[in-house]
N, C-alpha and C. Protein backbone atom coordinates (compact mmCIF):
# COMPACT_ATOMS: atom_id res chain seq x y z
N MET A 1 83.89 75.08 63.77
CA MET A 1 83.58 76.45 64.06
C MET A 1 82.24 76.57 64.74
N ARG A 2 81.27 75.85 64.25
CA ARG A 2 79.93 75.95 64.81
C ARG A 2 79.91 75.48 66.25
N THR A 3 80.67 74.45 66.61
CA THR A 3 80.66 73.95 67.98
C THR A 3 81.30 74.95 68.93
N THR A 4 82.32 75.68 68.49
CA THR A 4 82.95 76.69 69.34
C THR A 4 81.98 77.82 69.62
N ALA A 5 81.27 78.29 68.63
CA ALA A 5 80.28 79.35 68.81
C ALA A 5 79.16 78.87 69.72
N ARG A 6 78.74 77.62 69.54
CA ARG A 6 77.67 77.07 70.38
C ARG A 6 78.13 76.99 71.84
N HIS A 7 79.36 76.58 72.07
CA HIS A 7 79.90 76.50 73.44
C HIS A 7 79.97 77.89 74.08
N LEU A 8 80.40 78.88 73.33
CA LEU A 8 80.45 80.25 73.86
C LEU A 8 79.07 80.77 74.20
N LEU A 9 78.12 80.52 73.33
CA LEU A 9 76.74 80.97 73.58
C LEU A 9 76.17 80.29 74.80
N ARG A 10 76.37 78.98 74.89
CA ARG A 10 75.88 78.24 76.06
C ARG A 10 76.53 78.73 77.34
N HIS A 11 77.82 78.98 77.29
CA HIS A 11 78.55 79.49 78.47
C HIS A 11 78.00 80.86 78.89
N ALA A 12 77.78 81.75 77.96
CA ALA A 12 77.24 83.08 78.26
C ALA A 12 75.84 82.99 78.85
N GLN A 13 75.01 82.08 78.32
CA GLN A 13 73.64 81.93 78.85
C GLN A 13 73.67 81.41 80.28
N ARG A 14 74.52 80.45 80.56
CA ARG A 14 74.59 79.86 81.91
C ARG A 14 75.14 80.85 82.94
N ASN A 15 76.00 81.76 82.50
CA ASN A 15 76.63 82.70 83.43
C ASN A 15 76.16 84.13 83.26
N ALA A 16 75.01 84.32 82.65
CA ALA A 16 74.51 85.67 82.37
C ALA A 16 74.32 86.47 83.66
N ILE A 17 73.74 85.87 84.65
CA ILE A 17 73.49 86.60 85.90
C ILE A 17 74.81 86.95 86.58
N ALA A 18 75.74 86.03 86.61
CA ALA A 18 77.03 86.30 87.24
C ALA A 18 77.79 87.38 86.49
N LEU A 19 77.78 87.33 85.16
CA LEU A 19 78.48 88.34 84.38
C LEU A 19 77.82 89.72 84.56
N THR A 20 76.50 89.76 84.62
CA THR A 20 75.78 91.02 84.84
C THR A 20 76.12 91.59 86.21
N ALA A 21 76.14 90.75 87.25
CA ALA A 21 76.47 91.21 88.60
C ALA A 21 77.91 91.72 88.66
N LEU A 22 78.81 91.05 88.01
CA LEU A 22 80.21 91.49 87.98
C LEU A 22 80.33 92.85 87.30
N PHE A 23 79.67 93.00 86.16
CA PHE A 23 79.72 94.27 85.44
C PHE A 23 79.14 95.41 86.28
N VAL A 24 78.01 95.19 86.94
CA VAL A 24 77.38 96.22 87.76
C VAL A 24 78.28 96.59 88.95
N ALA A 25 78.87 95.59 89.59
CA ALA A 25 79.73 95.86 90.75
C ALA A 25 80.96 96.66 90.34
N LEU A 26 81.59 96.27 89.25
CA LEU A 26 82.78 96.99 88.80
C LEU A 26 82.43 98.41 88.35
N ALA A 27 81.35 98.55 87.65
CA ALA A 27 80.94 99.87 87.18
C ALA A 27 80.57 100.78 88.35
N GLY A 28 79.86 100.23 89.33
CA GLY A 28 79.43 101.05 90.48
C GLY A 28 80.60 101.52 91.32
N SER A 29 81.53 100.63 91.64
CA SER A 29 82.68 101.04 92.47
C SER A 29 83.59 101.98 91.70
N SER A 30 83.72 101.78 90.39
CA SER A 30 84.53 102.70 89.59
C SER A 30 83.89 104.08 89.56
N TYR A 31 82.58 104.12 89.42
CA TYR A 31 81.87 105.40 89.41
C TYR A 31 82.04 106.11 90.74
N ALA A 32 81.92 105.38 91.85
CA ALA A 32 82.04 105.98 93.18
C ALA A 32 83.46 106.50 93.41
N ALA A 33 84.45 105.75 92.98
CA ALA A 33 85.83 106.17 93.18
C ALA A 33 86.16 107.44 92.43
N VAL A 34 85.54 107.64 91.30
CA VAL A 34 85.83 108.81 90.47
C VAL A 34 85.00 110.02 90.90
N THR A 35 83.78 109.82 91.37
CA THR A 35 82.87 110.95 91.56
C THR A 35 82.66 111.38 93.01
N ILE A 36 82.96 110.56 94.02
CA ILE A 36 82.68 110.93 95.42
C ILE A 36 83.93 111.52 96.05
N ASN A 37 83.76 112.66 96.73
CA ASN A 37 84.87 113.26 97.46
C ASN A 37 84.47 113.43 98.93
N GLY A 38 85.39 113.95 99.74
CA GLY A 38 85.15 114.06 101.18
C GLY A 38 83.97 114.93 101.55
N SER A 39 83.66 115.95 100.77
CA SER A 39 82.54 116.83 101.11
C SER A 39 81.19 116.14 100.89
N GLN A 40 81.18 115.01 100.20
CA GLN A 40 79.92 114.31 99.95
C GLN A 40 79.63 113.23 100.99
N ILE A 41 80.53 113.02 101.94
CA ILE A 41 80.27 112.05 103.00
C ILE A 41 79.27 112.67 103.96
N GLN A 42 78.21 111.94 104.25
CA GLN A 42 77.14 112.47 105.08
C GLN A 42 77.58 112.58 106.53
N ASN A 43 76.96 113.54 107.23
CA ASN A 43 77.20 113.67 108.67
C ASN A 43 76.80 112.39 109.37
N ARG A 44 77.55 112.05 110.38
CA ARG A 44 77.32 110.88 111.23
C ARG A 44 77.53 109.54 110.50
N SER A 45 78.05 109.54 109.28
CA SER A 45 78.33 108.26 108.63
C SER A 45 79.59 107.62 109.21
N ILE A 46 80.48 108.45 109.79
CA ILE A 46 81.64 107.95 110.53
C ILE A 46 81.33 108.22 111.99
N ASN A 47 80.94 107.18 112.71
CA ASN A 47 80.50 107.37 114.09
C ASN A 47 81.69 107.43 115.05
N PRO A 48 81.46 107.94 116.28
CA PRO A 48 82.56 108.10 117.25
C PRO A 48 83.29 106.81 117.59
N VAL A 49 82.63 105.67 117.48
CA VAL A 49 83.30 104.41 117.79
C VAL A 49 84.49 104.19 116.87
N LYS A 50 84.38 104.63 115.62
CA LYS A 50 85.48 104.46 114.67
C LYS A 50 86.67 105.33 115.01
N LEU A 51 86.46 106.40 115.79
CA LEU A 51 87.54 107.31 116.16
C LEU A 51 87.86 107.27 117.66
N ASN A 52 87.31 106.32 118.39
CA ASN A 52 87.50 106.21 119.83
C ASN A 52 88.96 105.84 120.13
N SER A 53 89.65 106.72 120.86
CA SER A 53 91.07 106.47 121.14
C SER A 53 91.29 105.23 122.00
N HIS A 54 90.27 104.78 122.74
CA HIS A 54 90.42 103.57 123.55
C HIS A 54 90.38 102.31 122.68
N LEU A 55 89.81 102.42 121.48
CA LEU A 55 89.72 101.27 120.59
C LEU A 55 90.84 101.24 119.57
N ILE A 56 91.61 102.31 119.50
CA ILE A 56 92.75 102.38 118.60
C ILE A 56 93.96 101.85 119.36
N ALA A 57 94.91 101.28 118.67
CA ALA A 57 96.05 100.61 119.31
C ALA A 57 96.80 101.50 120.30
N GLY A 58 96.88 102.77 120.08
CA GLY A 58 97.56 103.68 121.00
C GLY A 58 97.83 105.01 120.34
N ASN A 59 97.86 106.04 121.14
CA ASN A 59 98.21 107.36 120.61
C ASN A 59 99.01 108.10 121.66
N VAL A 60 99.82 109.03 121.22
CA VAL A 60 100.64 109.80 122.14
C VAL A 60 99.76 110.85 122.80
N ARG A 61 99.59 110.73 124.11
CA ARG A 61 98.73 111.66 124.86
C ARG A 61 99.52 112.89 125.29
N ALA A 62 100.81 112.69 125.63
CA ALA A 62 101.64 113.80 126.09
C ALA A 62 103.10 113.46 125.80
N TRP A 63 103.92 114.51 125.64
CA TRP A 63 105.35 114.31 125.40
C TRP A 63 106.11 115.57 125.78
N ALA A 64 107.41 115.41 126.01
CA ALA A 64 108.26 116.56 126.33
C ALA A 64 109.70 116.24 125.99
N ILE A 65 110.42 117.28 125.57
CA ILE A 65 111.87 117.22 125.38
C ILE A 65 112.45 118.16 126.43
N VAL A 66 113.30 117.62 127.29
CA VAL A 66 113.78 118.36 128.46
C VAL A 66 115.31 118.40 128.44
N ARG A 67 115.87 119.58 128.70
CA ARG A 67 117.33 119.73 128.79
C ARG A 67 117.82 119.21 130.13
N ALA A 68 119.12 119.05 130.24
CA ALA A 68 119.72 118.55 131.48
C ALA A 68 119.46 119.48 132.66
N ASN A 69 119.29 120.79 132.40
CA ASN A 69 119.03 121.75 133.48
C ASN A 69 117.54 121.80 133.87
N GLY A 70 116.71 120.98 133.22
CA GLY A 70 115.29 120.94 133.56
C GLY A 70 114.41 121.84 132.72
N GLN A 71 114.98 122.52 131.74
CA GLN A 71 114.20 123.40 130.87
C GLN A 71 113.48 122.56 129.81
N VAL A 72 112.17 122.80 129.66
CA VAL A 72 111.38 122.11 128.65
C VAL A 72 111.60 122.82 127.32
N ILE A 73 112.10 122.10 126.32
CA ILE A 73 112.38 122.66 125.00
C ILE A 73 111.12 122.66 124.14
N ALA A 74 110.42 121.55 124.12
CA ALA A 74 109.19 121.41 123.34
C ALA A 74 108.31 120.39 124.04
N SER A 75 106.98 120.51 123.85
CA SER A 75 106.10 119.59 124.58
C SER A 75 104.68 119.65 124.04
N ALA A 76 103.89 118.70 124.49
CA ALA A 76 102.45 118.66 124.31
C ALA A 76 101.88 117.99 125.56
N GLY A 77 100.69 118.37 125.95
CA GLY A 77 100.10 117.80 127.16
C GLY A 77 100.30 118.67 128.38
N HIS A 78 100.75 119.91 128.18
CA HIS A 78 100.89 120.92 129.24
C HIS A 78 101.72 120.42 130.43
N PRO A 79 102.99 120.01 130.21
CA PRO A 79 103.80 119.53 131.33
C PRO A 79 104.33 120.67 132.19
N ARG A 80 104.39 120.44 133.49
CA ARG A 80 105.08 121.34 134.43
C ARG A 80 106.14 120.50 135.11
N LEU A 81 107.38 120.97 135.04
CA LEU A 81 108.51 120.21 135.55
C LEU A 81 108.89 120.66 136.94
N PHE A 82 109.18 119.69 137.80
CA PHE A 82 109.65 119.96 139.16
C PHE A 82 110.91 119.15 139.39
N THR A 83 111.87 119.75 140.09
CA THR A 83 113.07 119.02 140.46
C THR A 83 112.77 118.26 141.73
N ALA A 84 112.95 116.98 141.68
CA ALA A 84 112.70 116.15 142.85
C ALA A 84 113.85 116.34 143.84
N LEU A 85 113.56 116.14 145.11
CA LEU A 85 114.56 116.32 146.15
C LEU A 85 115.36 115.05 146.40
N GLY A 86 115.07 114.00 145.64
CA GLY A 86 115.75 112.72 145.84
C GLY A 86 117.07 112.64 145.14
N LEU A 87 117.12 111.91 144.07
CA LEU A 87 118.35 111.63 143.34
C LEU A 87 118.74 112.76 142.40
N PRO A 88 120.05 112.94 142.16
CA PRO A 88 120.43 113.88 141.09
C PRO A 88 119.95 113.29 139.77
N GLY A 89 119.44 114.12 138.90
CA GLY A 89 118.90 113.64 137.63
C GLY A 89 117.46 113.20 137.71
N GLU A 90 116.82 113.36 138.88
CA GLU A 90 115.41 112.98 139.03
C GLU A 90 114.53 114.21 138.80
N ARG A 91 113.55 114.07 137.93
CA ARG A 91 112.60 115.14 137.63
C ARG A 91 111.18 114.59 137.72
N GLN A 92 110.28 115.44 138.17
CA GLN A 92 108.87 115.07 138.18
C GLN A 92 108.13 115.97 137.20
N ILE A 93 107.24 115.37 136.44
CA ILE A 93 106.44 116.11 135.47
C ILE A 93 104.98 115.95 135.85
N ARG A 94 104.29 117.06 135.99
CA ARG A 94 102.83 117.03 136.17
C ARG A 94 102.21 117.41 134.84
N TRP A 95 101.38 116.51 134.34
CA TRP A 95 100.75 116.71 133.03
C TRP A 95 99.42 117.43 133.19
N GLY A 96 99.06 118.21 132.21
CA GLY A 96 97.77 118.90 132.20
C GLY A 96 96.70 118.11 131.50
N VAL A 97 97.00 116.87 131.12
CA VAL A 97 96.03 116.00 130.47
C VAL A 97 95.96 114.69 131.25
N LYS A 98 94.89 113.95 131.05
CA LYS A 98 94.71 112.68 131.75
C LYS A 98 95.64 111.62 131.15
N VAL A 99 96.48 111.03 131.98
CA VAL A 99 97.42 110.02 131.52
C VAL A 99 97.39 108.76 132.38
N SER A 100 96.30 108.53 133.08
CA SER A 100 96.22 107.32 133.90
C SER A 100 96.07 106.11 132.99
N ARG A 101 96.61 105.00 133.43
CA ARG A 101 96.60 103.73 132.70
C ARG A 101 97.24 103.86 131.32
N CYS A 102 98.34 104.59 131.25
CA CYS A 102 99.08 104.79 130.00
C CYS A 102 100.50 104.27 130.18
N ALA A 103 101.18 104.06 129.06
CA ALA A 103 102.58 103.63 129.08
C ALA A 103 103.48 104.85 128.92
N THR A 104 104.58 104.87 129.67
CA THR A 104 105.53 105.97 129.60
C THR A 104 106.85 105.46 129.04
N ASN A 105 107.39 106.17 128.07
CA ASN A 105 108.67 105.82 127.46
C ASN A 105 109.60 107.01 127.59
N THR A 106 110.87 106.74 127.85
CA THR A 106 111.84 107.83 127.95
C THR A 106 113.20 107.37 127.43
N THR A 107 113.96 108.32 126.90
CA THR A 107 115.32 108.07 126.44
C THR A 107 116.18 109.27 126.79
N VAL A 108 117.47 109.05 126.91
CA VAL A 108 118.40 110.16 127.10
C VAL A 108 118.48 110.92 125.79
N ASP A 109 118.39 112.23 125.86
CA ASP A 109 118.41 113.07 124.68
C ASP A 109 119.84 113.21 124.17
N THR A 110 120.00 113.22 122.86
CA THR A 110 121.34 113.31 122.28
C THR A 110 121.96 114.69 122.46
N ASN A 111 121.20 115.68 122.89
CA ASN A 111 121.74 117.02 123.15
C ASN A 111 122.23 117.17 124.59
N SER A 112 122.26 116.09 125.34
CA SER A 112 122.76 116.12 126.71
C SER A 112 124.26 116.34 126.71
N PRO A 113 124.82 116.76 127.86
CA PRO A 113 126.28 116.89 127.94
C PRO A 113 126.94 115.53 127.75
N ALA A 114 128.10 115.54 127.15
CA ALA A 114 128.83 114.29 126.90
C ALA A 114 129.25 113.66 128.21
N THR A 115 129.08 112.35 128.31
CA THR A 115 129.48 111.62 129.51
C THR A 115 130.53 110.57 129.22
N GLU A 116 130.85 110.37 127.93
CA GLU A 116 131.80 109.33 127.56
C GLU A 116 132.41 109.67 126.21
N ASN A 117 133.67 109.25 126.01
CA ASN A 117 134.31 109.40 124.71
C ASN A 117 134.33 108.03 124.04
N VAL A 118 133.84 107.97 122.81
CA VAL A 118 133.78 106.72 122.07
C VAL A 118 134.83 106.77 120.98
N ALA A 119 135.69 105.76 120.95
CA ALA A 119 136.74 105.69 119.93
C ALA A 119 136.15 105.18 118.62
N ILE A 120 136.48 105.87 117.55
CA ILE A 120 136.05 105.48 116.21
C ILE A 120 137.30 105.09 115.45
N PRO A 121 137.37 103.87 114.91
CA PRO A 121 138.58 103.43 114.21
C PRO A 121 138.99 104.41 113.10
N GLY A 122 140.24 104.82 113.12
CA GLY A 122 140.78 105.72 112.12
C GLY A 122 140.52 107.19 112.41
N ASN A 123 139.79 107.49 113.48
CA ASN A 123 139.48 108.88 113.85
C ASN A 123 139.73 109.09 115.34
N ALA A 124 139.64 110.32 115.73
CA ALA A 124 139.76 110.63 117.16
C ALA A 124 138.48 110.17 117.86
N SER A 125 138.53 110.06 119.17
CA SER A 125 137.34 109.67 119.91
C SER A 125 136.32 110.81 119.87
N VAL A 126 135.06 110.43 119.96
CA VAL A 126 133.95 111.38 119.87
C VAL A 126 133.23 111.42 121.20
N PRO A 127 133.01 112.62 121.78
CA PRO A 127 132.25 112.70 123.03
C PRO A 127 130.75 112.49 122.75
N VAL A 128 130.14 111.61 123.54
CA VAL A 128 128.71 111.32 123.37
C VAL A 128 128.03 111.29 124.74
N PRO A 129 126.73 111.61 124.76
CA PRO A 129 125.98 111.46 126.00
C PRO A 129 125.54 110.01 126.16
N ALA A 130 126.24 109.25 126.95
CA ALA A 130 125.89 107.86 127.17
C ALA A 130 125.14 107.73 128.48
N GLY A 131 124.17 106.90 128.49
CA GLY A 131 123.39 106.69 129.71
C GLY A 131 122.01 106.17 129.37
N TYR A 132 121.16 106.16 130.36
CA TYR A 132 119.80 105.68 130.16
C TYR A 132 118.87 106.42 131.10
N ALA A 133 117.58 106.28 130.85
CA ALA A 133 116.57 106.95 131.67
C ALA A 133 115.47 105.96 132.00
N ILE A 134 114.90 106.13 133.18
CA ILE A 134 113.78 105.31 133.63
C ILE A 134 112.63 106.25 133.98
N ALA A 135 111.42 105.89 133.53
CA ALA A 135 110.25 106.73 133.80
C ALA A 135 109.12 105.89 134.35
N SER A 136 108.33 106.50 135.22
CA SER A 136 107.12 105.85 135.71
C SER A 136 106.05 106.92 135.88
N THR A 137 104.82 106.58 135.54
CA THR A 137 103.71 107.51 135.65
C THR A 137 102.71 106.96 136.64
N MET A 138 102.24 107.83 137.51
CA MET A 138 101.21 107.43 138.47
C MET A 138 100.26 108.60 138.66
N ASN A 139 99.15 108.33 139.29
CA ASN A 139 98.13 109.33 139.53
C ASN A 139 97.86 109.36 141.04
N PRO A 140 98.69 110.07 141.82
CA PRO A 140 98.49 110.08 143.27
C PRO A 140 97.18 110.76 143.64
N SER A 141 96.60 110.32 144.73
CA SER A 141 95.32 110.90 145.15
C SER A 141 95.49 112.37 145.49
N GLY A 142 94.57 113.17 145.01
CA GLY A 142 94.58 114.60 145.29
C GLY A 142 95.47 115.41 144.38
N ALA A 143 96.30 114.77 143.58
CA ALA A 143 97.20 115.49 142.67
C ALA A 143 96.90 115.07 141.25
N GLY A 144 97.45 115.82 140.31
CA GLY A 144 97.30 115.45 138.91
C GLY A 144 98.23 114.32 138.57
N PRO A 145 98.13 113.79 137.36
CA PRO A 145 99.01 112.71 136.96
C PRO A 145 100.47 113.18 136.93
N GLU A 146 101.35 112.34 137.44
CA GLU A 146 102.78 112.68 137.52
C GLU A 146 103.63 111.60 136.87
N THR A 147 104.65 112.05 136.20
CA THR A 147 105.66 111.14 135.66
C THR A 147 106.98 111.48 136.33
N THR A 148 107.65 110.47 136.87
CA THR A 148 108.98 110.65 137.45
C THR A 148 109.99 110.07 136.48
N VAL A 149 110.99 110.88 136.12
CA VAL A 149 112.06 110.45 135.22
C VAL A 149 113.37 110.58 135.97
N VAL A 150 114.17 109.52 135.95
CA VAL A 150 115.51 109.55 136.53
C VAL A 150 116.48 109.17 135.41
N THR A 151 117.50 110.01 135.21
CA THR A 151 118.52 109.74 134.19
C THR A 151 119.80 109.27 134.87
N TYR A 152 120.47 108.32 134.22
CA TYR A 152 121.69 107.71 134.75
C TYR A 152 122.79 107.80 133.70
N ASN A 153 124.05 107.92 134.17
CA ASN A 153 125.17 107.89 133.24
C ASN A 153 125.48 106.43 132.90
N GLN A 154 126.51 106.22 132.08
CA GLN A 154 126.83 104.87 131.62
C GLN A 154 127.28 103.96 132.76
N ALA A 155 127.72 104.52 133.88
CA ALA A 155 128.14 103.71 135.02
C ALA A 155 126.98 103.37 135.95
N GLY A 156 125.77 103.85 135.61
CA GLY A 156 124.59 103.55 136.43
C GLY A 156 124.39 104.51 137.59
N GLN A 157 125.10 105.64 137.60
CA GLN A 157 124.93 106.63 138.67
C GLN A 157 123.92 107.69 138.24
N PRO A 158 123.00 108.07 139.12
CA PRO A 158 122.04 109.12 138.77
C PRO A 158 122.78 110.41 138.38
N THR A 159 122.49 110.91 137.20
CA THR A 159 123.18 112.08 136.64
C THR A 159 122.16 112.95 135.92
N PRO A 160 122.20 114.26 136.11
CA PRO A 160 121.27 115.13 135.35
C PRO A 160 121.62 115.12 133.86
N LEU A 161 120.75 114.52 133.07
CA LEU A 161 120.90 114.49 131.61
C LEU A 161 119.59 114.95 130.99
N GLY A 162 119.68 115.43 129.75
CA GLY A 162 118.46 115.75 129.03
C GLY A 162 117.74 114.47 128.65
N PHE A 163 116.43 114.55 128.48
CA PHE A 163 115.68 113.36 128.12
C PHE A 163 114.45 113.73 127.30
N ASP A 164 113.96 112.72 126.58
CA ASP A 164 112.70 112.81 125.85
C ASP A 164 111.75 111.84 126.51
N VAL A 165 110.51 112.26 126.74
CA VAL A 165 109.54 111.39 127.39
C VAL A 165 108.22 111.45 126.61
N THR A 166 107.58 110.30 126.44
CA THR A 166 106.26 110.22 125.80
C THR A 166 105.33 109.40 126.68
N VAL A 167 104.07 109.76 126.66
CA VAL A 167 103.05 109.00 127.36
C VAL A 167 102.06 108.52 126.29
N VAL A 168 101.97 107.21 126.14
CA VAL A 168 101.14 106.62 125.10
C VAL A 168 99.96 105.90 125.76
N CYS A 169 98.77 106.24 125.31
CA CYS A 169 97.55 105.63 125.88
C CYS A 169 96.82 104.84 124.81
């Protein structure tokens, strides 16, 4: 019994500083977690570099949901839609925000007119809007940033379809 007590005492003496530091660290972080709230964070403790959109992996700068007839249903980034004189299904969007050096993504909207009937085993065929969309964004000199979207049916022919477009920077 005496040797066990002696070993424990010796162990505590040798590790007194480490045990004290551990206790203080745990107590301090526990106290901070319980007592500090958002209103106690000082001004300028979160600097602009931590919120810089160029240093973050990416954010949606602009987006739009567009019907097949060219009507914008919902959007952000102040888009203005123009019907291009080229291909059927080609639309140009002028954004009211800076979108240079950004990635553009687009898909055919599921609310588009049906272009194909898909057979479902055991049921009747279902009409669906099949197709794809291609988008490109550029910043021509003298004009604002523009995104051109062309929608195609399942056979690869340019066709006016609804689409969703996002610009991620």
